[in-house]
Structures are given as C-alpha cells and as structure tokens.
Protein backbone atom coordinates (compact mmCIF):
# COMPACT_ATOMS: atom_id res chain seq x y z
CA MET A 1 -89.02 -11.72 -13.39
CA ASN A 2 -88.16 -12.67 -9.83
CA THR A 3 -90.08 -10.29 -7.58
CA THR A 4 -88.59 -11.57 -4.31
CA LEU A 5 -84.86 -11.22 -4.96
CA ALA A 6 -83.56 -9.05 -2.12
CA HIS A 7 -79.82 -9.78 -1.88
CA LEU A 8 -77.38 -10.42 -4.70
CA ASN A 9 -73.70 -11.19 -4.12
CA LEU A 10 -71.56 -11.24 -7.27
CA GLU A 11 -68.23 -10.50 -5.58
CA LYS A 12 -65.19 -11.82 -7.49
CA ASN A 13 -67.16 -13.06 -10.52
CA ASN A 14 -64.91 -11.61 -13.23
CA LEU A 15 -67.55 -9.11 -14.32
CA GLY A 16 -66.23 -6.52 -16.73
CA ALA A 17 -67.85 -3.44 -18.24
CA GLN A 18 -70.28 -5.52 -20.30
CA GLY A 19 -71.24 -7.54 -17.23
CA GLY A 20 -71.85 -4.32 -15.33
CA GLU A 21 -74.07 -3.02 -18.11
CA ALA A 22 -76.06 -6.27 -18.18
CA LEU A 23 -76.33 -6.25 -14.41
CA ALA A 24 -77.60 -2.68 -14.50
CA LEU A 25 -80.60 -3.80 -16.54
CA ALA A 26 -81.39 -6.42 -13.92
CA VAL A 27 -80.97 -3.96 -11.04
CA ALA A 28 -83.34 -1.50 -12.67
CA SER A 29 -85.99 -4.18 -13.20
CA HIS A 30 -85.89 -5.74 -9.71
CA PRO A 31 -87.55 -3.30 -7.31
CA SER A 32 -87.24 -5.75 -4.40
CA LEU A 33 -83.41 -5.75 -4.52
CA THR A 34 -82.10 -4.15 -1.32
CA SER A 35 -78.48 -5.36 -1.25
CA LEU A 36 -75.93 -5.67 -4.07
CA ASN A 37 -72.30 -6.72 -3.77
CA VAL A 38 -70.19 -6.48 -6.93
CA ALA A 39 -66.88 -5.90 -5.17
CA SER A 40 -63.66 -7.08 -6.78
CA ASN A 41 -64.91 -7.04 -10.36
CA ALA A 42 -63.37 -5.09 -13.25
CA LEU A 43 -66.49 -3.02 -13.95
CA GLY A 44 -64.53 0.08 -14.90
CA THR A 45 -66.11 3.43 -15.64
CA GLU A 46 -68.66 2.11 -18.14
CA GLY A 47 -70.00 -0.65 -15.89
CA GLY A 48 -69.99 1.62 -12.85
CA LEU A 49 -71.91 4.35 -14.64
CA ALA A 50 -74.45 1.83 -15.92
CA ILE A 51 -75.11 0.61 -12.38
CA ALA A 52 -75.34 4.20 -11.09
CA THR A 53 -77.94 4.95 -13.75
CA ALA A 54 -79.92 1.84 -12.80
CA LEU A 55 -80.02 2.98 -9.19
CA ARG A 56 -82.12 5.97 -10.21
CA THR A 57 -84.87 3.45 -10.98
CA ASN A 58 -84.27 1.02 -8.12
CA THR A 59 -84.95 3.10 -5.04
CA ALA A 60 -85.13 0.11 -2.67
CA LEU A 61 -81.40 -0.62 -2.71
CA ARG A 62 -79.91 0.19 0.70
CA CYS A 63 -76.57 -1.64 0.65
CA LEU A 64 -74.11 -1.40 -2.24
CA SER A 65 -70.55 -2.70 -2.32
CA MET A 66 -68.42 -1.70 -5.31
CA SER A 67 -64.94 -1.72 -3.80
CA SER A 68 -62.02 -2.78 -5.99
CA CYS A 69 -64.03 -2.40 -9.22
CA GLU A 70 -61.56 -0.22 -11.14
CA LEU A 71 -63.85 2.79 -10.86
CA ASP A 72 -62.62 6.32 -11.41
CA SER A 73 -63.88 9.64 -10.12
CA ALA A 74 -66.38 9.94 -13.00
CA VAL A 75 -68.49 7.25 -11.30
CA GLY A 76 -68.55 8.81 -7.84
CA GLU A 77 -70.89 11.73 -8.45
CA PRO A 78 -73.54 9.71 -10.33
CA LEU A 79 -73.49 7.07 -7.56
CA VAL A 80 -74.01 9.68 -4.88
CA ALA A 81 -76.77 11.34 -6.91
CA SER A 82 -78.64 8.07 -7.28
C-alpha cells in the first residue's frame, strides 16, 4: 500500500459504478489521501454511495470533487454525514 498518496485526480476517466466501488476500497485503505477528484465520471448512485461509505473510514480527506457524476439525492445525505 502507498502510504504517501495525498492527491488523486481521476476526472474524466470513464469510471462507472463498478469503478466507484473499486475506488471506494482504495479510499478507505489510504489514510494519507487528502484530495480526491472524480468529477465527470458516471459513478451513479451505487458508486457514489460506495465512496460516501469509504469516507467514514478515511477521515483525512479534505477536498472532494464529484460534480457531473450522475449522482441522485440518495447520495447527498451519506456524503454529508461522512
């Protein structure tokens, strides 16, 4: 595991729900990650919820960009709670 990864930019990488779920595992296991940009990916509700869940574990993240990710209102509350 990379213990120094602080910033990850995956904007416009054609990530879908499965990519979001896989990314969520990485986010949860990288406590040094402070910035994540997944804007303009088709994460959808499933991918968005997976990332929101991962953020309960990763408390270091300070900057998150998820604009234009086909998220619906079901993702908003879990993101705010994390």
